[in-house]
Amino acid sequence: MIIINKTGYLKYKNLKFRCSLGKGGVGKKELEGDNITPIGSYKLVNFFFRKDRIDKINSKIKFREIKKNMGWCDDPKSKKYNQLIKLPSKLSYEKLFRKDHLYDLLIVLDYNMNPVIKNRGSAIFIHLATKYYNSTKGCIGLKKIDMIELIKKIKKTELIKIS
């Protein structure tokens, strides 16, 4: 089990990494855009990478390449809310193919997916952290070297516990 605590550390077996968390802290997520990293246990459901920026992924998990036309719907009025979508789109979304490096490696958690509750929040990812571990919009950010080390060791069936 991967454990993330509110002090900003991710622990997995013998690994311990500093991580960035939501601007609103760790707690009960109430609304889309509240910047809270949600407390709970979650599955790891999707794995993505930027092929133009990451040479090779040493993992037992199959990673899917992020394409320029990929987005994540954050539009609570849509049937596609909290799902991968094809761009361009009239829906509100977050672009996965970004100019910065935050989504060069990306793991999607199953937060608010089964069932999807409108306005409860979307797109809780483990992604790359900024240089100074700036707060996120609710995701978990890891240094690239730490993320690479983590994905070498985890299995797709791991659970992540945020507390």
C-alpha atoms as a PDB file:
ATOM      1  CA  MET A   1       0.000   0.000   0.000  1.00  0.00           C
ATOM      2  CA  ILE A   2       1.161   3.495  -0.851  1.00  0.00           C
ATOM      3  CA  ILE A   3       0.602   5.871   2.059  1.00  0.00           C
ATOM      4  CA  ILE A   4       0.421   9.648   1.793  1.00  0.00           C
ATOM      5  CA  ASN A   5       0.108  11.716   4.934  1.00  0.00           C
ATOM      6  CA  LYS A   6      -0.927  15.322   5.401  1.00  0.00           C
ATOM      7  CA  THR A   7       2.627  16.346   6.289  1.00  0.00           C
ATOM      8  CA  GLY A   8       3.595  15.870   2.635  1.00  0.00           C
ATOM      9  CA  TYR A   9       5.303  12.498   2.478  1.00  0.00           C
ATOM     10  CA  LEU A  10       4.605   9.445   0.360  1.00  0.00           C
ATOM     11  CA  LYS A  11       5.695   6.084   1.814  1.00  0.00           C
ATOM     12  CA  TYR A  12       5.880   2.772  -0.001  1.00  0.00           C
ATOM     13  CA  LYS A  13       7.687  -0.187   1.559  1.00  0.00           C
ATOM     14  CA  ASN A  14      11.239   1.110   2.168  1.00  0.00           C
ATOM     15  CA  LEU A  15      10.748   4.288   0.110  1.00  0.00           C
ATOM     16  CA  LYS A  16       9.865   7.686   1.544  1.00  0.00           C
ATOM     17  CA  PHE A  17       9.500  10.737  -0.693  1.00  0.00           C
ATOM     18  CA  ARG A  18       8.511  14.316  -0.095  1.00  0.00           C
ATOM     19  CA  CYS A  19       5.420  15.250  -2.097  1.00  0.00           C
ATOM     20  CA  SER A  20       3.276  18.273  -2.806  1.00  0.00           C
ATOM     21  CA  LEU A  21      -0.408  18.230  -1.895  1.00  0.00           C
ATOM     22  CA  GLY A  22      -3.481  20.349  -2.520  1.00  0.00           C
ATOM     23  CA  LYS A  23      -3.485  24.044  -1.671  1.00  0.00           C
ATOM     24  CA  GLY A  24      -6.538  23.358   0.524  1.00  0.00           C
ATOM     25  CA  GLY A  25      -4.729  20.619   2.462  1.00  0.00           C
ATOM     26  CA  VAL A  26      -5.764  17.008   2.979  1.00  0.00           C
ATOM     27  CA  GLY A  27      -9.376  16.453   3.953  1.00  0.00           C
ATOM     28  CA  LYS A  28     -12.891  15.636   2.829  1.00  0.00           C
ATOM     29  CA  LYS A  29     -13.275  16.815  -0.734  1.00  0.00           C
ATOM     30  CA  GLU A  30     -16.555  18.682  -1.166  1.00  0.00           C
ATOM     31  CA  LEU A  31     -16.438  20.507  -4.503  1.00  0.00           C
ATOM     32  CA  GLU A  32     -14.764  20.662  -7.875  1.00  0.00           C
ATOM     33  CA  GLY A  33     -11.974  23.225  -7.558  1.00  0.00           C
ATOM     34  CA  ASP A  34     -11.696  23.223  -3.732  1.00  0.00           C
ATOM     35  CA  ASN A  35      -7.946  22.364  -3.984  1.00  0.00           C
ATOM     36  CA  ILE A  36      -8.249  19.571  -1.398  1.00  0.00           C
ATOM     37  CA  THR A  37      -6.336  16.301  -1.629  1.00  0.00           C
ATOM     38  CA  PRO A  38      -9.066  13.809  -0.683  1.00  0.00           C
ATOM     39  CA  ILE A  39      -8.712  11.528   2.348  1.00  0.00           C
ATOM     40  CA  GLY A  40      -9.428   7.891   1.547  1.00  0.00           C
ATOM     41  CA  SER A  41      -8.175   4.731  -0.109  1.00  0.00           C
ATOM     42  CA  TYR A  42      -7.982   4.623  -3.885  1.00  0.00           C
ATOM     43  CA  LYS A  43      -6.983   2.340  -6.716  1.00  0.00           C
ATOM     44  CA  LEU A  44      -4.474   3.287  -9.390  1.00  0.00           C
ATOM     45  CA  VAL A  45      -6.495   3.133 -12.612  1.00  0.00           C
ATOM     46  CA  ASN A  46      -4.623   4.768 -15.497  1.00  0.00           C
ATOM     47  CA  PHE A  47      -0.945   5.324 -16.239  1.00  0.00           C
ATOM     48  CA  PHE A  48       0.287   7.887 -18.765  1.00  0.00           C
ATOM     49  CA  PHE A  49       3.590   9.327 -19.977  1.00  0.00           C
ATOM     50  CA  ARG A  50       4.992  11.832 -22.476  1.00  0.00           C
ATOM     51  CA  LYS A  51       7.005   9.744 -24.955  1.00  0.00           C
ATOM     52  CA  ASP A  52       8.807  12.853 -26.218  1.00  0.00           C
ATOM     53  CA  ARG A  53      10.107  13.571 -22.680  1.00  0.00           C
ATOM     54  CA  ILE A  54      10.483  10.161 -21.020  1.00  0.00           C
ATOM     55  CA  ASP A  55      12.838   7.761 -22.800  1.00  0.00           C
ATOM     56  CA  LYS A  56      11.899   4.468 -21.240  1.00  0.00           C
ATOM     57  CA  ILE A  57       9.647   3.401 -18.407  1.00  0.00           C
ATOM     58  CA  ASN A  58      11.019   0.589 -16.294  1.00  0.00           C
ATOM     59  CA  SER A  59       7.795  -0.774 -14.836  1.00  0.00           C
ATOM     60  CA  LYS A  60       5.604  -3.872 -14.801  1.00  0.00           C
ATOM     61  CA  ILE A  61       2.686  -1.527 -15.445  1.00  0.00           C
ATOM     62  CA  LYS A  62       1.725  -0.620 -18.992  1.00  0.00           C
ATOM     63  CA  PHE A  63       1.832   3.146 -19.514  1.00  0.00           C
ATOM     64  CA  ARG A  64      -0.191   4.848 -22.238  1.00  0.00           C
ATOM     65  CA  GLU A  65       1.351   7.628 -24.293  1.00  0.00           C
ATOM     66  CA  ILE A  66      -0.126  11.113 -23.786  1.00  0.00           C
ATOM     67  CA  LYS A  67      -1.171  12.556 -27.144  1.00  0.00           C
ATOM     68  CA  LYS A  68      -1.828  16.215 -27.977  1.00  0.00           C
ATOM     69  CA  ASN A  69      -5.576  15.547 -28.261  1.00  0.00           C
ATOM     70  CA  MET A  70      -6.021  14.146 -24.731  1.00  0.00           C
ATOM     71  CA  GLY A  71      -7.838  15.953 -21.938  1.00  0.00           C
ATOM     72  CA  TRP A  72      -9.532  15.165 -18.626  1.00  0.00           C
ATOM     73  CA  CYS A  73     -13.104  16.446 -18.321  1.00  0.00           C
ATOM     74  CA  ASP A  74     -13.722  18.627 -15.250  1.00  0.00           C
ATOM     75  CA  ASP A  75     -17.150  19.831 -16.416  1.00  0.00           C
ATOM     76  CA  PRO A  76     -19.710  18.657 -13.806  1.00  0.00           C
ATOM     77  CA  LYS A  77     -22.580  19.181 -16.285  1.00  0.00           C
ATOM     78  CA  SER A  78     -21.118  16.634 -18.701  1.00  0.00           C
ATOM     79  CA  LYS A  79     -21.688  12.881 -18.947  1.00  0.00           C
ATOM     80  CA  LYS A  80     -17.911  12.708 -19.493  1.00  0.00           C
ATOM     81  CA  TYR A  81     -17.173  14.326 -16.091  1.00  0.00           C
ATOM     82  CA  ASN A  82     -13.988  12.915 -14.534  1.00  0.00           C
ATOM     83  CA  GLN A  83     -13.043  10.951 -17.656  1.00  0.00           C
ATOM     84  CA  LEU A  84     -10.429  11.018 -20.369  1.00  0.00           C
ATOM     85  CA  ILE A  85     -11.739  12.930 -23.402  1.00  0.00           C
ATOM     86  CA  LYS A  86     -10.596  13.725 -26.915  1.00  0.00           C
ATOM     87  CA  LEU A  87      -9.725  17.337 -27.737  1.00  0.00           C
ATOM     88  CA  PRO A  88     -10.793  19.771 -28.994  1.00  0.00           C
ATOM     89  CA  SER A  89     -13.913  19.807 -26.862  1.00  0.00           C
ATOM     90  CA  LYS A  90     -16.636  22.275 -25.893  1.00  0.00           C
ATOM     91  CA  LEU A  91     -16.503  20.831 -22.373  1.00  0.00           C
ATOM     92  CA  SER A  92     -14.354  22.238 -19.585  1.00  0.00           C
ATOM     93  CA  TYR A  93     -11.224  20.127 -19.319  1.00  0.00           C
ATOM     94  CA  GLU A  94      -7.632  19.895 -18.238  1.00  0.00           C
ATOM     95  CA  LYS A  95      -5.162  19.315 -21.054  1.00  0.00           C
ATOM     96  CA  LEU A  96      -2.852  16.323 -20.470  1.00  0.00           C
ATOM     97  CA  PHE A  97      -0.236  17.311 -23.089  1.00  0.00           C
ATOM     98  CA  ARG A  98       1.200  20.338 -21.282  1.00  0.00           C
ATOM     99  CA  LYS A  99       4.019  22.797 -21.935  1.00  0.00           C
ATOM    100  CA  ASP A 100       5.319  22.362 -18.388  1.00  0.00           C
ATOM    101  CA  HIS A 101       6.550  18.987 -17.172  1.00  0.00           C
ATOM    102  CA  LEU A 102       3.918  18.220 -14.500  1.00  0.00           C
ATOM    103  CA  TYR A 103       2.183  15.517 -16.554  1.00  0.00           C
ATOM    104  CA  ASP A 104       5.241  13.907 -18.137  1.00  0.00           C
ATOM    105  CA  LEU A 105       4.422  10.940 -15.861  1.00  0.00           C
ATOM    106  CA  LEU A 106       0.878  10.610 -14.604  1.00  0.00           C
ATOM    107  CA  ILE A 107      -1.063   8.107 -12.519  1.00  0.00           C
ATOM    108  CA  VAL A 108      -4.839   8.519 -12.252  1.00  0.00           C
ATOM    109  CA  LEU A 109      -6.534   7.576  -8.968  1.00  0.00           C
ATOM    110  CA  ASP A 110     -10.095   6.226  -8.966  1.00  0.00           C
ATOM    111  CA  TYR A 111     -11.347   9.155  -6.866  1.00  0.00           C
ATOM    112  CA  ASN A 112     -15.022   9.937  -7.648  1.00  0.00           C
ATOM    113  CA  MET A 113     -15.280   7.359 -10.403  1.00  0.00           C
ATOM    114  CA  ASN A 114     -17.624   4.619  -9.279  1.00  0.00           C
ATOM    115  CA  PRO A 115     -20.110   6.185  -9.097  1.00  0.00           C
ATOM    116  CA  VAL A 116     -19.249   9.649 -10.397  1.00  0.00           C
ATOM    117  CA  ILE A 117     -20.887  12.349  -8.262  1.00  0.00           C
ATOM    118  CA  LYS A 118     -21.290  15.656 -10.079  1.00  0.00           C
ATOM    119  CA  ASN A 119     -19.302  18.578  -8.587  1.00  0.00           C
ATOM    120  CA  ARG A 120     -17.492  16.283  -6.101  1.00  0.00           C
ATOM    121  CA  GLY A 121     -14.170  16.738  -7.882  1.00  0.00           C
ATOM    122  CA  SER A 122     -12.257  15.202 -10.725  1.00  0.00           C
ATOM    123  CA  ALA A 123      -8.736  14.387 -11.834  1.00  0.00           C
ATOM    124  CA  ILE A 124      -6.885  13.328  -8.721  1.00  0.00           C
ATOM    125  CA  PHE A 125      -3.507  12.387 -10.127  1.00  0.00           C
ATOM    126  CA  ILE A 126      -0.049  11.521  -8.948  1.00  0.00           C
ATOM    127  CA  HIS A 127       2.057  13.700 -11.227  1.00  0.00           C
ATOM    128  CA  LEU A 128       5.409  15.429 -11.203  1.00  0.00           C
ATOM    129  CA  ALA A 129       6.031  18.167  -8.643  1.00  0.00           C
ATOM    130  CA  THR A 130       7.327  21.630  -9.357  1.00  0.00           C
ATOM    131  CA  LYS A 131      10.928  22.414  -8.403  1.00  0.00           C
ATOM    132  CA  TYR A 132       9.846  23.877  -5.043  1.00  0.00           C
ATOM    133  CA  TYR A 133       6.958  21.456  -4.374  1.00  0.00           C
ATOM    134  CA  ASN A 134       4.326  24.140  -4.931  1.00  0.00           C
ATOM    135  CA  SER A 135       0.819  23.194  -3.824  1.00  0.00           C
ATOM    136  CA  THR A 136      -1.450  21.446  -6.309  1.00  0.00           C
ATOM    137  CA  LYS A 137      -5.158  21.714  -7.097  1.00  0.00           C
ATOM    138  CA  GLY A 138      -5.665  18.501  -5.072  1.00  0.00           C
ATOM    139  CA  CYS A 139      -3.252  16.090  -6.738  1.00  0.00           C
ATOM    140  CA  ILE A 140      -0.064  14.564  -5.368  1.00  0.00           C
ATOM    141  CA  GLY A 141       3.218  15.808  -6.867  1.00  0.00           C
ATOM    142  CA  LEU A 142       6.502  13.877  -6.777  1.00  0.00           C
ATOM    143  CA  LYS A 143       9.974  14.763  -8.018  1.00  0.00           C
ATOM    144  CA  LYS A 144      10.647  13.059 -11.361  1.00  0.00           C
ATOM    145  CA  ILE A 145      13.428  10.875  -9.935  1.00  0.00           C
ATOM    146  CA  ASP A 146      11.133   9.768  -7.077  1.00  0.00           C
ATOM    147  CA  MET A 147       8.210   9.039  -9.422  1.00  0.00           C
ATOM    148  CA  ILE A 148      10.492   6.912 -11.616  1.00  0.00           C
ATOM    149  CA  GLU A 149      11.704   4.999  -8.537  1.00  0.00           C
ATOM    150  CA  LEU A 150       8.115   4.460  -7.351  1.00  0.00           C
ATOM    151  CA  ILE A 151       6.791   3.173 -10.687  1.00  0.00           C
ATOM    152  CA  LYS A 152       9.673   0.680 -10.884  1.00  0.00           C
ATOM    153  CA  LYS A 153       8.383  -1.002  -7.728  1.00  0.00           C
ATOM    154  CA  ILE A 154       4.591  -0.703  -7.628  1.00  0.00           C
ATOM    155  CA  LYS A 155       2.024  -3.036  -9.150  1.00  0.00           C
ATOM    156  CA  LYS A 156      -1.178  -1.954 -10.856  1.00  0.00           C
ATOM    157  CA  THR A 157      -3.132  -3.527  -7.977  1.00  0.00           C
ATOM    158  CA  GLU A 158      -1.597  -1.261  -5.299  1.00  0.00           C
ATOM    159  CA  LEU A 159      -3.902   0.829  -3.181  1.00  0.00           C
ATOM    160  CA  ILE A 160      -3.093   4.353  -2.154  1.00  0.00           C
ATOM    161  CA  LYS A 161      -4.192   5.626   1.252  1.00  0.00           C
ATOM    162  CA  ILE A 162      -4.343   9.379   1.835  1.00  0.00           C
ATOM    163  CA  SER A 163      -4.727  10.445   5.460  1.00  0.00           C
END
